[in-house]
């Protein structure tokens, strides 16, 4: 593993280094909320999924959802983090119009998960380890709706009480690319684990990004927090803008004020939201309605034993099959893509299967605006196509045409090959006949190729065209060289 050099930003007074930490809010995959039995399904009518507890009614007592605790532990194990067998829930006191209780049940000094790490992959095979400071459970607030009425704001409490995992990193990232790569990797991990669906457009994963700048190697600067950024692209844009904004202020003789800012994706800039609160402003204290959370070590061990193969492990295994680090990284980025590849590669050359998936299938998905979950040709069907290329039933060109046919029309690739006469021509008599036809029609080219043997490639193309792309290219090449008396370069 190689660690990249910090990416420096040029300022009027010299180079600057950006320092980035992140607080990611990942919605726990569970059917009910953290402290109530209300549903967590997305897309319900406003205030259709609200219990008395979620609405902050007096006398309503929270009851911990064991599934949410299990998902937090599972995530912590996936982050190679310390699982704290004893933790407590605290009340974080602040007023929001969409937080009915007037406080948020969260965890402060004693979170359920301690320090861990995530390895991010960067360009040119470089990587960096980003430290995880903690993971704690907390309940989400509701949502204020400002576009429903010209004079009033409404409140939807469907999200109130939904379980969140807040995953806090150490300030280990040094560029916008690293920040985006971290969130991409974290999203992949929780999706592999099945603990968060990672649907950023639905709000089930969002990030608060802490940005500061300093002279290279100097003390940490004052940070500003950019709230609720919901895409990797926006994170990269927000970091770039905020770093340059801070550099301009400092170089102009000003000072950075610690504050919370919002990112305007349309303008590509951050805007001040409020001064940044400190922990004491929230008046944390242990929630009197919830006992400390004590985990049985055997229960934690059982969760650890059930973990799936995670992206880093899968990448290492794929590289052991002969794939490059880049190809393996692409394939493990999404669990669905990795699963599709594994089925596609069964019984055929691993590298050939990866090339076919990356070049042909992903290319067509990108063209059609589809995801791997929407691919119209099954992995088994593509396995058959790759196998037919390998055993020379079809040529590479015919294989692409075949994929286009089953992509739009469906069907079993092997049956389509037989029905449409797409088998590769390996019969030497048929190939020789095609060669003679090309030679007879191009006598001037025959003289040229004897002086310039590299022109043989033109003849190969013509013979392939003569046979409708069905001839075996290697057989054509060998027969042509023999017929024209050209040297064998192999």
Protein backbone atom coordinates (compact mmCIF):
# COMPACT_ATOMS: atom_id res chain seq x y z
CA UNK A 1 0.00 0.00 0.00
CA UNK A 2 1.39 3.39 -1.02
CA UNK A 3 0.36 6.60 0.71
CA UNK A 4 -0.06 9.58 -1.63
CA UNK A 5 1.59 12.93 -1.00
CA UNK A 6 -0.84 15.65 0.15
CA UNK A 7 -2.42 17.58 -2.69
CA UNK A 8 -1.38 21.20 -2.14
CA UNK A 9 -3.36 24.28 -3.18
CA UNK A 10 -1.48 27.26 -4.60
CA UNK A 11 -2.18 30.55 -2.83
CA UNK A 12 -0.70 34.03 -3.11
CA UNK A 13 1.55 33.36 -0.11
CA UNK A 14 2.58 29.84 -1.12
CA UNK A 15 1.20 26.33 -0.79
CA UNK A 16 -1.68 25.33 1.47
CA UNK A 17 -2.87 21.94 2.65
CA UNK A 18 -6.55 21.10 3.09
CA UNK A 19 -7.52 18.93 6.07
CA UNK A 20 -10.84 17.07 5.90
CA UNK A 21 -12.87 15.06 8.36
CA UNK A 22 -16.37 13.74 7.91
CA UNK A 23 -19.48 12.89 9.91
CA UNK A 24 -21.67 10.54 7.89
CA UNK A 25 -25.28 9.91 8.86
CA UNK A 26 -26.31 6.48 7.58
CA UNK A 27 -29.91 5.38 8.06
CA UNK A 28 -30.08 1.95 9.63
CA UNK A 29 -31.83 -0.68 7.53
CA UNK A 30 -34.65 -1.81 9.80
CA UNK A 31 -38.42 -2.06 9.45
CA UNK A 32 -39.13 0.07 12.51
CA UNK A 33 -37.61 3.11 14.20
CA UNK A 34 -34.94 3.24 16.90
CA UNK A 35 -37.26 3.62 19.89
CA UNK A 36 -40.74 2.90 18.50
CA UNK A 37 -42.57 0.42 16.29
CA UNK A 38 -43.44 2.99 13.60
CA UNK A 39 -42.55 2.05 10.02
CA UNK A 40 -39.45 3.37 8.25
CA UNK A 41 -40.73 2.78 4.68
CA UNK A 42 -39.78 5.56 2.27
CA UNK A 43 -42.35 7.61 0.39
CA UNK A 44 -45.34 7.49 2.76
CA UNK A 45 -47.78 10.38 3.04
CA UNK A 46 -46.59 13.07 5.50
CA UNK A 47 -47.11 12.14 9.16
CA UNK A 48 -48.46 8.68 8.25
CA UNK A 49 -45.69 6.83 10.16
CA UNK A 50 -45.57 8.58 13.53
CA UNK A 51 -46.00 6.99 16.96
CA UNK A 52 -46.70 8.86 20.19
CA UNK A 53 -42.99 8.45 21.02
CA UNK A 54 -41.91 10.00 17.70
CA UNK A 55 -44.30 12.90 18.27
CA UNK A 56 -42.80 13.63 21.71
CA UNK A 57 -46.01 13.06 23.62
CA UNK A 58 -45.61 13.41 27.43
CA UNK A 59 -45.10 10.18 29.33
CA UNK A 60 -44.15 8.11 26.28
CA UNK A 61 -41.06 5.98 27.04
CA UNK A 62 -38.56 4.86 24.38
CA UNK A 63 -37.79 1.16 23.95
CA UNK A 64 -34.56 0.21 22.15
CA UNK A 65 -34.86 -1.66 18.84
CA UNK A 66 -32.51 -4.68 19.04
CA UNK A 67 -32.23 -4.91 15.26
CA UNK A 68 -30.82 -1.38 15.10
CA UNK A 69 -28.23 -2.26 17.74
CA UNK A 70 -27.27 -5.37 15.77
CA UNK A 71 -26.89 -3.32 12.57
CA UNK A 72 -24.63 -0.80 14.35
CA UNK A 73 -22.42 -3.59 15.70
CA UNK A 74 -22.33 -5.22 12.27
CA UNK A 75 -21.22 -1.95 10.71
CA UNK A 76 -18.57 -1.44 13.38
CA UNK A 77 -17.15 -4.88 12.69
CA UNK A 78 -17.10 -4.09 8.95
CA UNK A 79 -15.09 -0.96 9.75
CA UNK A 80 -12.55 -3.04 11.72
CA UNK A 81 -13.57 -1.04 14.77
CA UNK A 82 -13.66 -1.68 18.51
CA UNK A 83 -17.09 -2.76 19.72
CA UNK A 84 -17.90 -1.30 23.12
CA UNK A 85 -19.81 -3.87 25.14
CA UNK A 86 -21.10 -1.08 27.41
CA UNK A 87 -22.54 2.17 26.09
CA UNK A 88 -25.16 4.70 27.08
CA UNK A 89 -27.71 6.93 25.39
CA UNK A 90 -27.68 10.66 26.09
CA UNK A 91 -30.05 13.52 25.57
CA UNK A 92 -28.66 16.18 23.23
CA UNK A 93 -30.72 19.27 23.96
CA UNK A 94 -31.51 21.76 21.23
CA UNK A 95 -34.60 23.21 19.64
CA UNK A 96 -35.65 22.48 16.09
CA UNK A 97 -39.27 22.92 14.94
CA UNK A 98 -39.19 19.35 13.59
CA UNK A 99 -37.75 17.80 16.79
CA UNK A 100 -40.87 17.42 18.95
CA UNK A 101 -39.15 16.29 22.17
CA UNK A 102 -36.86 19.32 22.28
CA UNK A 103 -33.90 16.94 22.51
CA UNK A 104 -32.35 14.18 20.43
CA UNK A 105 -31.56 10.78 21.92
CA UNK A 106 -27.97 10.17 20.85
CA UNK A 107 -24.68 8.88 22.27
CA UNK A 108 -21.87 11.14 23.42
CA UNK A 109 -19.01 9.98 25.65
CA UNK A 110 -19.81 6.27 25.51
CA UNK A 111 -20.71 5.25 21.93
CA UNK A 112 -21.48 1.71 20.82
CA UNK A 113 -18.48 1.59 18.41
CA UNK A 114 -14.99 2.99 18.92
CA UNK A 115 -11.99 3.46 16.65
CA UNK A 116 -11.69 1.70 13.30
CA UNK A 117 -10.42 2.33 9.77
CA UNK A 118 -11.34 2.40 6.08
CA UNK A 119 -8.86 1.96 3.23
CA UNK A 120 -9.65 4.12 0.21
CA UNK A 121 -8.35 3.45 -3.30
CA UNK A 122 -7.05 6.40 -5.32
CA UNK A 123 -5.68 6.95 -8.82
CA UNK A 124 -2.50 5.22 -9.98
CA UNK A 125 -2.91 2.41 -7.44
CA UNK A 126 -2.37 4.67 -4.42
CA UNK A 127 -4.34 4.22 -1.24
CA UNK A 128 -4.85 5.88 2.12
CA UNK A 129 -6.15 4.64 5.45
CA UNK A 130 -8.81 6.92 6.93
CA UNK A 131 -9.25 6.50 10.66
CA UNK A 132 -12.72 6.10 12.15
CA UNK A 133 -13.11 7.95 15.44
CA UNK A 134 -16.44 6.43 16.48
CA UNK A 135 -19.85 5.21 15.41
CA UNK A 136 -22.86 6.02 17.52
CA UNK A 137 -26.60 5.48 17.27
CA UNK A 138 -29.06 8.34 17.35
CA UNK A 139 -32.60 9.18 16.28
CA UNK A 140 -33.32 11.42 13.30
CA UNK A 141 -35.42 14.57 13.43
CA UNK A 142 -38.47 15.25 11.27
CA UNK A 143 -38.52 17.42 8.17
CA UNK A 144 -39.73 21.01 7.75
CA UNK A 145 -41.63 21.64 4.50
CA UNK A 146 -41.40 25.22 3.28
CA UNK A 147 -42.92 24.80 -0.20
CA UNK A 148 -46.43 23.63 0.69
CA UNK A 149 -47.98 27.02 1.53
CA UNK A 150 -47.00 30.62 0.73
CA UNK A 151 -47.31 31.83 4.33
CA UNK A 152 -46.68 28.75 6.47
CA UNK A 153 -44.16 25.95 7.00
CA UNK A 154 -45.39 22.43 7.66
CA UNK A 155 -43.68 19.62 9.56
CA UNK A 156 -43.52 15.97 8.46
CA UNK A 157 -42.56 13.66 11.34
CA UNK A 158 -42.21 10.45 9.31
CA UNK A 159 -38.42 10.63 9.73
CA UNK A 160 -38.64 11.54 13.41
CA UNK A 161 -37.15 8.67 15.41
CA UNK A 162 -35.60 6.80 12.46
CA UNK A 163 -32.33 5.15 13.52
CA UNK A 164 -29.13 6.75 12.27
CA UNK A 165 -25.55 5.62 12.57
CA UNK A 166 -23.30 8.66 12.80
CA UNK A 167 -19.87 7.58 11.57
CA UNK A 168 -17.18 10.10 12.50
CA UNK A 169 -13.77 10.05 10.83
CA UNK A 170 -10.46 11.42 11.99
CA UNK A 171 -9.15 14.45 10.01
CA UNK A 172 -7.14 12.15 7.74
CA UNK A 173 -8.22 13.22 4.25
CA UNK A 174 -6.15 15.70 2.27
CA UNK A 175 -8.05 16.37 -0.96
CA UNK A 176 -11.53 16.54 -2.42
CA UNK A 177 -10.78 13.32 -4.31
CA UNK A 178 -9.99 11.52 -1.06
CA UNK A 179 -13.17 12.83 0.56
CA UNK A 180 -15.31 11.56 -2.33
CA UNK A 181 -13.43 8.24 -2.40
CA UNK A 182 -14.03 7.77 1.34
CA UNK A 183 -17.77 8.25 1.08
CA UNK A 184 -17.89 5.97 -1.96
CA UNK A 185 -16.02 3.23 -0.07
CA UNK A 186 -18.09 3.64 3.09
CA UNK A 187 -21.27 3.40 1.05
CA UNK A 188 -20.01 0.18 -0.55
CA UNK A 189 -19.18 -1.32 2.86
CA UNK A 190 -22.58 -0.65 4.44
CA UNK A 191 -24.36 -1.92 1.33
CA UNK A 192 -22.30 -5.14 1.38
CA UNK A 193 -23.15 -5.50 5.08
CA UNK A 194 -26.84 -4.81 4.50
CA UNK A 195 -26.90 -2.19 7.26
CA UNK A 196 -27.80 0.86 5.12
CA UNK A 197 -29.14 1.04 1.57
CA UNK A 198 -26.95 4.07 0.77
CA UNK A 199 -29.66 5.78 -1.28
CA UNK A 200 -28.34 9.32 -1.05
CA UNK A 201 -31.15 10.78 -3.15
CA UNK A 202 -33.65 9.51 -0.56
CA UNK A 203 -31.66 10.94 2.34
CA UNK A 204 -30.62 7.60 3.82
CA UNK A 205 -26.95 8.59 3.62
CA UNK A 206 -25.68 12.14 3.94
CA UNK A 207 -22.44 13.70 5.08
CA UNK A 208 -21.31 16.69 7.11
CA UNK A 209 -17.84 17.64 5.85
CA UNK A 210 -15.37 19.45 8.11
CA UNK A 211 -12.83 21.51 6.16
CA UNK A 212 -9.83 23.53 7.35
CA UNK A 213 -6.61 24.70 5.73
CA UNK A 214 -3.06 25.08 7.00
CA UNK A 215 0.47 25.57 5.80
CA UNK A 216 1.93 22.11 4.97
CA UNK A 217 2.77 20.30 8.19
CA UNK A 218 1.58 23.20 10.35
CA UNK A 219 -0.96 23.16 13.19
CA UNK A 220 -4.59 22.44 12.35
CA UNK A 221 -6.61 25.47 11.29
CA UNK A 222 -10.12 26.50 12.31
CA UNK A 223 -12.65 24.21 10.66
CA UNK A 224 -16.00 24.90 9.08
CA UNK A 225 -18.67 22.23 8.79
CA UNK A 226 -20.59 21.84 5.53
CA UNK A 227 -23.93 20.22 6.37
CA UNK A 228 -25.91 17.50 4.64
CA UNK A 229 -24.00 16.96 1.39
CA UNK A 230 -25.67 14.11 -0.46
CA UNK A 231 -23.42 13.09 -3.38
CA UNK A 232 -19.76 12.33 -4.01
CA UNK A 233 -19.64 14.98 -6.74
CA UNK A 234 -21.07 17.65 -4.45
CA UNK A 235 -18.64 16.69 -1.69
CA UNK A 236 -15.70 17.21 -4.04
CA UNK A 237 -17.10 20.55 -5.23
CA UNK A 238 -17.87 21.74 -1.69
CA UNK A 239 -14.36 20.90 -0.43
CA UNK A 240 -12.68 22.66 -3.37
CA UNK A 241 -14.75 25.81 -2.93
CA UNK A 242 -14.49 25.93 0.87
CA UNK A 243 -10.72 25.38 0.90
CA UNK A 244 -10.14 28.23 -1.54
CA UNK A 245 -12.57 30.49 0.35
CA UNK A 246 -10.65 29.97 3.57
CA UNK A 247 -7.27 30.50 1.91
CA UNK A 248 -8.45 33.81 0.42
CA UNK A 249 -9.70 35.01 3.82
CA UNK A 250 -6.47 34.12 5.64
CA UNK A 251 -4.21 35.57 2.92
CA UNK A 252 -6.32 38.73 3.00
CA UNK A 253 -5.53 39.20 6.68
CA UNK A 254 -8.79 37.80 8.02
CA UNK A 255 -9.52 34.89 10.35
CA UNK A 256 -11.72 31.82 9.86
CA UNK A 257 -14.77 31.73 12.11
CA UNK A 258 -15.90 28.26 13.16
CA UNK A 259 -19.36 27.88 11.71
CA UNK A 260 -21.82 25.59 9.98
CA UNK A 261 -22.29 26.17 6.25
CA UNK A 262 -24.54 24.82 3.51
CA UNK A 263 -23.46 23.86 -0.02
CA UNK A 264 -25.46 25.41 -2.87
CA UNK A 265 -25.05 22.88 -5.68
CA UNK A 266 -26.52 25.24 -8.27
CA UNK A 267 -24.05 28.01 -7.52
CA UNK A 268 -21.22 25.62 -6.57
CA UNK A 269 -20.50 27.50 -3.35
CA UNK A 270 -20.91 27.24 0.42
CA UNK A 271 -22.99 29.72 2.43
CA UNK A 272 -23.03 30.53 6.13
CA UNK A 273 -25.83 28.84 8.08
CA UNK A 274 -25.06 29.40 11.78
CA UNK A 275 -22.16 29.63 14.21
CA UNK A 276 -20.86 26.19 15.16
CA UNK A 277 -22.08 24.92 18.49
CA UNK A 278 -19.73 23.27 20.97
CA UNK A 279 -20.61 20.09 22.87
CA UNK A 280 -21.41 21.99 26.07
CA UNK A 281 -24.04 24.02 24.20
CA UNK A 282 -26.08 20.84 23.81
CA UNK A 283 -26.12 20.09 27.58
CA UNK A 284 -25.61 16.35 27.13
CA UNK A 285 -26.71 14.11 29.99
CA UNK A 286 -27.58 10.37 30.18
CA UNK A 287 -31.16 9.69 29.11
CA UNK A 288 -33.02 8.73 32.32
CA UNK A 289 -35.53 6.62 30.36
CA UNK A 290 -32.94 4.24 28.91
CA UNK A 291 -30.68 1.83 30.79
CA UNK A 292 -27.04 1.44 29.71
CA UNK A 293 -26.68 -0.84 26.71
CA UNK A 294 -24.76 -3.99 27.63
CA UNK A 295 -23.78 -6.42 24.87
CA UNK A 296 -23.12 -10.11 25.38
CA UNK A 297 -19.64 -10.86 23.88
CA UNK A 298 -20.98 -14.14 22.47
CA UNK A 299 -23.74 -12.21 20.66
CA UNK A 300 -21.15 -9.87 19.14
CA UNK A 301 -19.02 -12.86 18.10
CA UNK A 302 -22.05 -14.36 16.37
CA UNK A 303 -22.53 -11.20 14.33
CA UNK A 304 -18.82 -11.19 13.42
CA UNK A 305 -19.09 -14.78 12.20
CA UNK A 306 -21.96 -13.82 9.88
CA UNK A 307 -20.19 -11.00 8.06
CA UNK A 308 -20.04 -11.33 4.27
CA UNK A 309 -16.89 -10.98 2.20
CA UNK A 310 -16.29 -7.22 2.12
CA UNK A 311 -14.93 -5.10 -0.79
CA UNK A 312 -11.24 -5.20 0.23
CA UNK A 313 -11.29 -8.97 0.72
CA UNK A 314 -13.17 -9.52 -2.54
CA UNK A 315 -10.75 -7.25 -4.41
CA UNK A 316 -7.77 -9.27 -3.12
CA UNK A 317 -9.46 -12.52 -4.21
CA UNK A 318 -10.27 -11.15 -7.67
CA UNK A 319 -6.66 -10.02 -8.12
CA UNK A 320 -5.62 -13.57 -7.24
CA UNK A 321 -7.65 -14.71 -10.27
CA UNK A 322 -5.45 -12.57 -12.53
CA UNK A 323 -7.38 -9.29 -12.55
CA UNK A 324 -5.56 -5.97 -12.32
CA UNK A 325 -6.01 -3.82 -9.22
CA UNK A 326 -8.03 -1.35 -11.30
CA UNK A 327 -10.37 -3.97 -12.77
CA UNK A 328 -10.89 -5.55 -9.35
CA UNK A 329 -11.66 -2.15 -7.80
CA UNK A 330 -14.27 -1.39 -10.45
CA UNK A 331 -15.97 -4.76 -9.98
CA UNK A 332 -16.18 -4.65 -6.18
CA UNK A 333 -17.43 -1.04 -5.98
CA UNK A 334 -21.05 -2.29 -5.96
CA UNK A 335 -22.11 -5.58 -4.44
CA UNK A 336 -24.58 -6.22 -7.28
CA UNK A 337 -21.82 -5.76 -9.86
CA UNK A 338 -19.46 -8.09 -7.99
CA UNK A 339 -22.18 -10.74 -7.70
CA UNK A 340 -22.97 -10.43 -11.40
CA UNK A 341 -19.29 -10.82 -12.28
CA UNK A 342 -18.89 -13.91 -10.14
CA UNK A 343 -21.76 -15.64 -11.96
CA UNK A 344 -20.52 -14.43 -15.34
CA UNK A 345 -16.97 -15.68 -14.67
CA UNK A 346 -17.98 -19.20 -13.63
CA UNK A 347 -15.99 -21.75 -15.63
CA UNK A 348 -14.41 -19.21 -18.02
CA UNK A 349 -11.22 -17.15 -17.95
CA UNK A 350 -11.53 -14.55 -15.17
CA UNK A 351 -9.74 -11.80 -17.11
CA UNK A 352 -11.77 -12.43 -20.26
CA UNK A 353 -14.99 -12.25 -18.20
CA UNK A 354 -13.88 -8.98 -16.55
CA UNK A 355 -13.01 -7.43 -19.92
CA UNK A 356 -16.37 -8.46 -21.36
CA UNK A 357 -18.25 -7.03 -18.38
CA UNK A 358 -16.28 -3.77 -18.18
CA UNK A 359 -16.14 -3.05 -21.91
CA UNK A 360 -19.31 -4.50 -23.40
CA UNK A 361 -21.93 -4.75 -20.65
CA UNK A 362 -21.10 -1.64 -18.64
CA UNK A 363 -20.68 0.31 -21.86
CA UNK A 364 -24.21 -0.59 -22.96
CA UNK A 365 -25.64 0.09 -19.50
CA UNK A 366 -24.07 3.54 -19.55
CA UNK A 367 -25.41 4.15 -23.06
CA UNK A 368 -28.94 3.17 -22.00
CA UNK A 369 -28.85 4.88 -18.60
CA UNK A 370 -29.35 1.61 -16.72
CA UNK A 371 -27.85 0.18 -13.54
CA UNK A 372 -26.43 -3.33 -13.19
CA UNK A 373 -29.68 -4.33 -11.45
CA UNK A 374 -31.52 -3.47 -14.69
CA UNK A 375 -29.24 -5.30 -17.13
CA UNK A 376 -31.47 -7.06 -19.71
CA UNK A 377 -29.04 -9.96 -20.31
CA UNK A 378 -28.43 -12.39 -17.46
CA UNK A 379 -24.97 -13.24 -16.15
CA UNK A 380 -25.53 -16.84 -17.28
CA UNK A 381 -26.26 -15.69 -20.83
CA UNK A 382 -23.11 -13.58 -20.92
CA UNK A 383 -21.16 -16.51 -19.51
CA UNK A 384 -22.32 -18.52 -22.53
CA UNK A 385 -21.15 -15.79 -24.92
CA UNK A 386 -17.68 -15.59 -23.30
CA UNK A 387 -17.43 -19.39 -23.37
CA UNK A 388 -18.31 -19.45 -27.09
CA UNK A 389 -15.57 -16.89 -27.80
CA UNK A 390 -13.09 -19.04 -25.87
CA UNK A 391 -13.93 -22.27 -27.71
CA UNK A 392 -13.98 -20.40 -31.03
CA UNK A 393 -17.66 -21.10 -31.70
CA UNK A 394 -17.98 -17.38 -32.48
CA UNK A 395 -15.51 -14.58 -33.19
CA UNK A 396 -15.11 -11.51 -30.99
CA UNK A 397 -16.95 -9.38 -33.56
CA UNK A 398 -19.84 -11.81 -33.82
CA UNK A 399 -19.97 -11.94 -30.01
CA UNK A 400 -20.67 -8.20 -29.88
CA UNK A 401 -23.38 -8.54 -32.52
CA UNK A 402 -24.83 -11.47 -30.59
CA UNK A 403 -24.92 -9.42 -27.39
CA UNK A 404 -26.80 -6.67 -29.21
CA UNK A 405 -29.37 -9.21 -30.39
CA UNK A 406 -30.07 -10.75 -26.98
CA UNK A 407 -29.88 -7.27 -25.36
CA UNK A 408 -32.81 -6.05 -27.43
CA UNK A 409 -34.65 -9.28 -28.26
CA UNK A 410 -33.78 -11.69 -25.48
CA UNK A 411 -33.22 -15.39 -26.02
CA UNK A 412 -30.59 -18.03 -25.30
CA UNK A 413 -27.29 -16.95 -26.94
CA UNK A 414 -26.40 -20.50 -28.02
CA UNK A 415 -29.80 -20.96 -29.64
CA UNK A 416 -29.48 -17.59 -31.41
CA UNK A 417 -26.07 -18.60 -32.80
CA UNK A 418 -27.52 -21.79 -34.28
CA UNK A 419 -30.74 -20.20 -35.54
CA UNK A 420 -28.98 -17.33 -37.29
CA UNK A 421 -25.93 -19.23 -38.55
CA UNK A 422 -23.46 -17.18 -36.55
CA UNK A 423 -20.95 -19.95 -35.93
CA UNK A 424 -17.38 -18.99 -36.69
CA UNK A 425 -16.03 -20.31 -40.00
CA UNK A 426 -13.04 -22.54 -39.30
CA UNK A 427 -13.37 -24.63 -42.46
CA UNK A 428 -10.11 -24.02 -44.36
CA UNK A 429 -11.80 -24.55 -47.69
CA UNK A 430 -14.29 -21.73 -47.06
CA UNK A 431 -11.54 -19.46 -45.78
CA UNK A 432 -9.30 -20.22 -48.76
CA UNK A 433 -12.19 -19.45 -51.13
CA UNK A 434 -12.74 -16.08 -49.48
CA UNK A 435 -9.00 -15.30 -49.69
CA UNK A 436 -8.93 -16.13 -53.40
CA UNK A 437 -11.91 -13.87 -54.02
CA UNK A 438 -10.20 -10.94 -52.24
CA UNK A 439 -6.88 -11.53 -54.08
CA UNK A 440 -8.63 -11.76 -57.45
CA UNK A 441 -10.42 -8.47 -56.85
CA UNK A 442 -7.34 -6.56 -55.65
CA UNK A 443 -4.28 -7.50 -57.76
CA UNK A 444 -2.56 -4.15 -57.10
CA UNK A 445 -2.78 -4.73 -53.35
CA UNK A 446 -1.09 -8.11 -53.76
CA UNK A 447 2.00 -6.41 -55.16
CA UNK A 448 1.95 -3.79 -52.41
CA UNK A 449 1.74 -6.31 -49.59
CA UNK A 450 4.83 -8.13 -50.80
CA UNK A 451 6.79 -4.88 -50.37
CA UNK A 452 4.98 -3.90 -47.18
CA UNK A 453 3.99 -7.05 -45.24
CA UNK A 454 2.10 -4.95 -42.66
CA UNK A 455 -0.62 -4.46 -45.30
CA UNK A 456 -1.65 -8.04 -44.58
CA UNK A 457 -4.00 -6.62 -41.95
CA UNK A 458 -6.00 -4.99 -44.77
CA UNK A 459 -6.40 -8.38 -46.43
CA UNK A 460 -7.54 -9.93 -43.14
CA UNK A 461 -10.22 -7.25 -42.83
CA UNK A 462 -11.42 -7.85 -46.37
CA UNK A 463 -11.63 -11.61 -45.85
CA UNK A 464 -13.56 -11.08 -42.61
CA UNK A 465 -15.95 -8.84 -44.51
CA UNK A 466 -16.25 -11.47 -47.24
CA UNK A 467 -17.30 -14.05 -44.65
CA UNK A 468 -19.66 -11.74 -42.77
CA UNK A 469 -17.29 -11.56 -39.82
CA UNK A 470 -17.63 -15.30 -39.18
CA UNK A 471 -14.15 -16.42 -40.18
CA UNK A 472 -11.64 -17.24 -37.48
CA UNK A 473 -9.23 -14.26 -37.62
CA UNK A 474 -6.21 -16.34 -36.59
CA UNK A 475 -6.96 -18.93 -39.29
CA UNK A 476 -7.43 -16.17 -41.87
CA UNK A 477 -4.14 -14.55 -40.91
CA UNK A 478 -2.22 -17.83 -41.13
CA UNK A 479 -3.78 -18.81 -44.47
CA UNK A 480 -3.15 -15.38 -45.98
CA UNK A 481 0.53 -15.37 -45.07
CA UNK A 482 0.92 -18.83 -46.58
CA UNK A 483 -0.96 -17.87 -49.76
CA UNK A 484 0.94 -14.57 -50.25
CA UNK A 485 4.31 -15.95 -49.19
CA UNK A 486 4.69 -13.48 -46.32
CA UNK A 487 7.09 -14.04 -43.42
CA UNK A 488 5.59 -15.39 -40.20
CA UNK A 489 6.34 -12.77 -37.53
CA UNK A 490 5.22 -15.03 -34.69
